[in-house]
Protein backbone atom coordinates (compact mmCIF):
# COMPACT_ATOMS: atom_id res chain seq x y z
CA UNK A 1 -52.93 -40.65 0.31
CA UNK A 2 -53.96 -40.14 3.93
CA UNK A 3 -50.49 -40.99 5.25
CA UNK A 4 -48.45 -39.11 2.66
CA UNK A 5 -45.22 -37.76 4.13
CA UNK A 6 -45.43 -39.97 7.22
CA UNK A 7 -43.13 -42.76 8.30
CA UNK A 8 -44.08 -45.91 10.20
CA UNK A 9 -42.68 -48.98 11.89
CA UNK A 10 -44.89 -52.08 11.88
CA UNK A 11 -43.67 -54.95 14.05
CA UNK A 12 -44.67 -58.41 12.93
CA UNK A 13 -45.18 -56.72 9.59
CA UNK A 14 -44.17 -59.57 7.28
CA UNK A 15 -47.35 -61.66 7.52
CA UNK A 16 -50.96 -61.77 8.66
CA UNK A 17 -52.54 -58.62 10.06
CA UNK A 18 -49.16 -56.87 10.10
CA UNK A 19 -48.71 -57.34 6.38
CA UNK A 20 -52.22 -56.00 5.82
CA UNK A 21 -51.31 -52.87 7.77
CA UNK A 22 -48.02 -52.48 5.87
CA UNK A 23 -49.78 -52.77 2.50
CA UNK A 24 -52.43 -50.20 3.45
CA UNK A 25 -49.92 -47.74 4.89
CA UNK A 26 -47.74 -47.94 1.78
CA UNK A 27 -50.78 -47.54 -0.49
CA UNK A 28 -51.75 -44.43 1.48
CA UNK A 29 -48.33 -42.82 1.00
CA UNK A 30 -46.34 -43.75 4.11
CA UNK A 31 -42.79 -45.02 4.13
CA UNK A 32 -42.87 -48.21 6.19
CA UNK A 33 -40.31 -50.32 8.01
CA UNK A 34 -41.42 -53.95 7.94
CA UNK A 35 -39.94 -55.18 11.23
CA UNK A 36 -40.21 -58.91 11.80
CA UNK A 37 -38.32 -61.76 13.42
CA UNK A 38 -38.55 -63.47 10.02
CA UNK A 39 -36.13 -61.26 8.14
CA UNK A 40 -36.47 -63.19 4.88
CA UNK A 41 -40.24 -62.73 4.83
CA UNK A 42 -39.86 -59.04 5.63
CA UNK A 43 -37.36 -58.64 2.80
CA UNK A 44 -39.67 -60.45 0.41
CA UNK A 45 -42.59 -58.15 1.19
CA UNK A 46 -40.34 -55.11 0.88
CA UNK A 47 -39.23 -56.25 -2.57
CA UNK A 48 -42.85 -56.70 -3.57
CA UNK A 49 -43.97 -53.28 -2.34
CA UNK A 50 -40.96 -51.33 -3.56
CA UNK A 51 -39.24 -48.15 -2.48
CA UNK A 52 -41.85 -47.13 0.10
CA UNK A 53 -40.77 -49.98 2.37
CA UNK A 54 -37.67 -51.47 3.94
CA UNK A 55 -37.12 -54.65 5.91
CA UNK A 56 -35.65 -54.99 9.38
CA UNK A 57 -35.06 -58.17 11.35
CA UNK A 58 -36.12 -57.64 14.97
CA UNK A 59 -36.82 -59.66 18.09
CA UNK A 60 -39.37 -57.45 19.84
CA UNK A 61 -38.72 -59.21 23.15
CA UNK A 62 -35.10 -58.01 23.14
CA UNK A 63 -34.25 -54.47 24.20
CA UNK A 64 -31.05 -54.45 22.17
CA UNK A 65 -32.86 -55.63 19.04
CA UNK A 66 -35.63 -53.03 19.44
CA UNK A 67 -33.03 -50.32 19.94
CA UNK A 68 -31.25 -51.40 16.75
CA UNK A 69 -34.57 -51.35 14.88
CA UNK A 70 -35.15 -47.79 16.11
CA UNK A 71 -31.69 -46.65 15.05
CA UNK A 72 -32.18 -48.17 11.60
CA UNK A 73 -35.58 -46.49 11.18
CA UNK A 74 -34.26 -43.07 12.20
CA UNK A 75 -31.24 -43.48 9.92
CA UNK A 76 -33.48 -44.36 6.97
CA UNK A 77 -36.40 -42.00 7.61
CA UNK A 78 -35.04 -39.21 9.82
CA UNK A 79 -38.17 -39.44 11.94
CA UNK A 80 -40.81 -41.95 13.04
CA UNK A 81 -44.39 -40.71 12.96
CA UNK A 82 -46.24 -43.98 13.54
CA UNK A 83 -45.45 -47.09 15.57
CA UNK A 84 -47.62 -50.20 15.24
CA UNK A 85 -47.05 -52.85 17.91
CA UNK A 86 -48.46 -55.81 16.00
CA UNK A 87 -46.04 -58.67 16.74
CA UNK A 88 -47.71 -61.31 18.89
CA UNK A 89 -47.74 -64.98 19.82
CA UNK A 90 -50.08 -67.34 21.61
CA UNK A 91 -49.93 -70.68 23.34
CA UNK A 92 -51.94 -73.69 22.25
CA UNK A 93 -55.38 -74.04 23.86
CA UNK A 94 -54.70 -75.51 27.31
CA UNK A 95 -56.06 -75.50 30.82
CA UNK A 96 -54.56 -72.47 32.56
CA UNK A 97 -52.66 -74.53 35.10
CA UNK A 98 -51.16 -76.68 32.33
CA UNK A 99 -49.58 -73.95 30.21
CA UNK A 100 -45.82 -74.39 30.49
CA UNK A 101 -43.69 -71.72 32.09
CA UNK A 102 -41.73 -71.41 28.84
CA UNK A 103 -44.91 -70.74 26.87
CA UNK A 104 -46.12 -68.22 29.45
CA UNK A 105 -42.77 -66.41 29.38
CA UNK A 106 -42.84 -66.25 25.57
CA UNK A 107 -46.38 -64.79 25.51
CA UNK A 108 -45.39 -62.26 28.18
CA UNK A 109 -42.20 -61.22 26.38
CA UNK A 110 -43.62 -60.88 22.86
CA UNK A 111 -47.12 -59.57 23.65
CA UNK A 112 -46.42 -57.37 26.66
CA UNK A 113 -42.75 -56.59 27.26
CA UNK A 114 -42.37 -55.57 23.61
CA UNK A 115 -44.79 -52.66 24.08
CA UNK A 116 -42.62 -51.37 26.92
CA UNK A 117 -39.45 -51.82 24.87
CA UNK A 118 -40.74 -49.98 21.79
CA UNK A 119 -42.13 -47.21 23.99
CA UNK A 120 -38.79 -46.87 25.75
CA UNK A 121 -37.05 -46.65 22.38
CA UNK A 122 -39.40 -44.27 20.55
CA UNK A 123 -41.51 -42.18 22.91
CA UNK A 124 -38.65 -39.77 23.64
CA UNK A 125 -38.22 -39.16 19.93
CA UNK A 126 -41.94 -38.52 19.50
CA UNK A 127 -42.03 -36.21 22.51
CA UNK A 128 -39.20 -34.20 21.02
CA UNK A 129 -41.30 -33.66 17.89
CA UNK A 130 -44.57 -33.17 19.92
CA UNK A 131 -46.36 -35.54 17.57
CA UNK A 132 -46.82 -39.24 17.00
CA UNK A 133 -49.31 -42.08 16.77
CA UNK A 134 -48.91 -45.46 18.44
CA UNK A 135 -51.22 -48.35 17.62
CA UNK A 136 -51.29 -51.54 19.66
CA UNK A 137 -52.84 -54.62 18.07
CA UNK A 138 -54.79 -56.19 20.91
CA UNK A 139 -57.62 -58.71 20.46
CA UNK A 140 -61.21 -59.51 21.28
CA UNK A 141 -59.55 -62.05 23.59
CA UNK A 142 -58.68 -59.13 25.87
CA UNK A 143 -62.32 -58.03 26.03
CA UNK A 144 -64.27 -61.29 25.93
CA UNK A 145 -61.90 -64.11 26.87
CA UNK A 146 -62.30 -67.64 25.55
CA UNK A 147 -61.57 -70.67 27.77
CA UNK A 148 -58.19 -72.33 27.29
CA UNK A 149 -56.54 -69.25 25.74
CA UNK A 150 -56.18 -67.97 29.29
CA UNK A 151 -52.73 -66.33 29.45
CA UNK A 152 -52.98 -65.08 25.86
CA UNK A 153 -56.31 -63.47 26.83
CA UNK A 154 -54.63 -61.88 29.82
CA UNK A 155 -51.76 -60.51 27.72
CA UNK A 156 -54.21 -58.78 25.38
CA UNK A 157 -56.20 -57.38 28.31
CA UNK A 158 -52.90 -55.98 29.57
CA UNK A 159 -52.29 -54.42 26.16
CA UNK A 160 -55.66 -52.66 26.23
CA UNK A 161 -54.93 -51.21 29.68
CA UNK A 162 -51.42 -50.26 28.56
CA UNK A 163 -52.95 -48.44 25.60
CA UNK A 164 -55.17 -46.37 27.87
CA UNK A 165 -52.43 -45.52 30.36
CA UNK A 166 -50.06 -44.57 27.53
CA UNK A 167 -52.78 -42.43 25.95
CA UNK A 168 -53.58 -40.43 29.06
CA UNK A 169 -49.92 -39.86 29.89
CA UNK A 170 -48.74 -39.00 26.38
CA UNK A 171 -51.66 -36.85 25.20
CA UNK A 172 -50.12 -33.61 26.55
CA UNK A 173 -47.02 -34.38 24.46
CA UNK A 174 -49.10 -34.59 21.27
CA UNK A 175 -48.87 -38.38 21.02
CA UNK A 176 -52.02 -40.44 20.44
CA UNK A 177 -52.20 -44.12 21.47
CA UNK A 178 -54.97 -46.47 20.38
CA UNK A 179 -55.61 -50.20 20.00
CA UNK A 180 -57.51 -52.38 17.57
CA UNK A 181 -59.16 -55.60 18.68
CA UNK A 182 -59.54 -58.11 15.84
CA UNK A 183 -61.30 -61.43 16.12
CA UNK A 184 -59.49 -64.49 14.80
CA UNK A 185 -58.39 -64.16 11.20
CA UNK A 186 -56.58 -65.87 8.36
CA UNK A 187 -53.14 -65.42 9.92
CA UNK A 188 -50.37 -67.80 11.01
CA UNK A 189 -51.87 -67.79 14.54
CA UNK A 190 -55.32 -69.10 13.53
CA UNK A 191 -54.43 -72.79 13.89
CA UNK A 192 -52.89 -72.11 17.30
CA UNK A 193 -56.06 -70.36 18.48
CA UNK A 194 -58.27 -73.23 17.36
CA UNK A 195 -55.97 -76.05 18.39
CA UNK A 196 -56.73 -77.76 15.08
CA UNK A 197 -57.74 -76.30 11.72
CA UNK A 198 -60.76 -78.36 10.68
CA UNK A 199 -64.05 -77.36 8.99
CA UNK A 200 -65.87 -78.20 12.23
CA UNK A 201 -63.59 -76.00 14.36
CA UNK A 202 -63.85 -73.13 11.87
CA UNK A 203 -67.64 -73.40 11.91
CA UNK A 204 -67.60 -73.28 15.72
CA UNK A 205 -65.48 -70.11 15.69
CA UNK A 206 -67.53 -68.46 12.95
CA UNK A 207 -70.78 -69.12 14.81
CA UNK A 208 -69.68 -66.57 17.44
CA UNK A 209 -69.14 -63.78 14.87
CA UNK A 210 -72.43 -62.11 13.86
CA UNK A 211 -71.07 -60.89 10.51
CA UNK A 212 -70.12 -64.49 9.79
CA UNK A 213 -66.50 -64.27 8.72
CA UNK A 214 -63.03 -63.95 10.17
CA UNK A 215 -61.13 -60.66 10.39
CA UNK A 216 -58.89 -60.08 7.37
CA UNK A 217 -55.56 -58.30 7.01
CA UNK A 218 -57.39 -55.72 4.89
CA UNK A 219 -59.84 -55.05 7.74
CA UNK A 220 -56.94 -54.38 10.08
CA UNK A 221 -55.15 -52.20 7.53
CA UNK A 222 -58.22 -50.02 7.04
CA UNK A 223 -58.83 -49.55 10.77
CA UNK A 224 -55.14 -48.93 11.47
CA UNK A 225 -54.91 -46.36 8.68
CA UNK A 226 -57.77 -44.33 10.15
CA UNK A 227 -56.48 -44.43 13.72
CA UNK A 228 -52.95 -43.45 12.68
CA UNK A 229 -54.02 -40.71 10.27
CA UNK A 230 -54.71 -37.06 11.02
CA UNK A 231 -58.42 -37.82 10.51
CA UNK A 232 -58.33 -39.41 13.99
CA UNK A 233 -56.69 -36.40 15.58
CA UNK A 234 -59.25 -36.35 18.43
CA UNK A 235 -59.15 -40.12 19.02
CA UNK A 236 -56.89 -41.53 21.72
CA UNK A 237 -57.14 -44.30 24.29
CA UNK A 238 -59.72 -46.35 22.39
CA UNK A 239 -59.72 -50.11 21.88
CA UNK A 240 -61.59 -50.35 18.58
CA UNK A 241 -63.37 -53.65 18.04
CA UNK A 242 -62.83 -54.81 14.46
CA UNK A 243 -64.57 -58.08 15.05
CA UNK A 244 -67.82 -58.37 13.10
CA UNK A 245 -69.84 -58.02 16.31
CA UNK A 246 -68.04 -60.75 18.27
CA UNK A 247 -67.96 -58.68 21.48
CA UNK A 248 -71.60 -57.53 21.44
């Protein structure tokens, strides 16, 4: 029960890595808002997990929607101890000059602008309590970019730098900010990363991971739980690779 008595918001929490983080947090005693653009999926997971969770429909690229999410969390919990910025999108593998402006704008808004919007909504609250933990779900793509995932790579590199600048600025206020960097996993984005989901393409991806498997939602939940718990009280500004050795 490492998170007993704590409250958390997990964006993109209804599926994939986000759902793994939600499940782990709830199992460790936290009350968790499952915030997702897919409100039905969020509600379904909340029903499954019970009273420790509640669902909230949110568009993390919209300031008004993020503000409403924050108001709902504070009304339900009274305080927010942990924020996990997990929601993310990618574009299909493409030459960098051929990615459409609409796809670029969507990656920018969901992967980058959302971190600003949630910080704007919640950092003041955390400062007032002189405590808090923020976790940004980045990617190995931000550390060791793959060709043709160009602007997605760049958005995750931005997130890693944002994590470090948030950490150094917010540390005096008692707020820790870290990131985790998964490799590709069994999530709704896997097919988009690969371009096509075939045994041959999976084998090609797996050949770059020394441990020989994809990241799982459980892997992300375990890493997130540590970084957001009091056990990591001296850890801030790190981008933890949870990637089976992909970035070595």
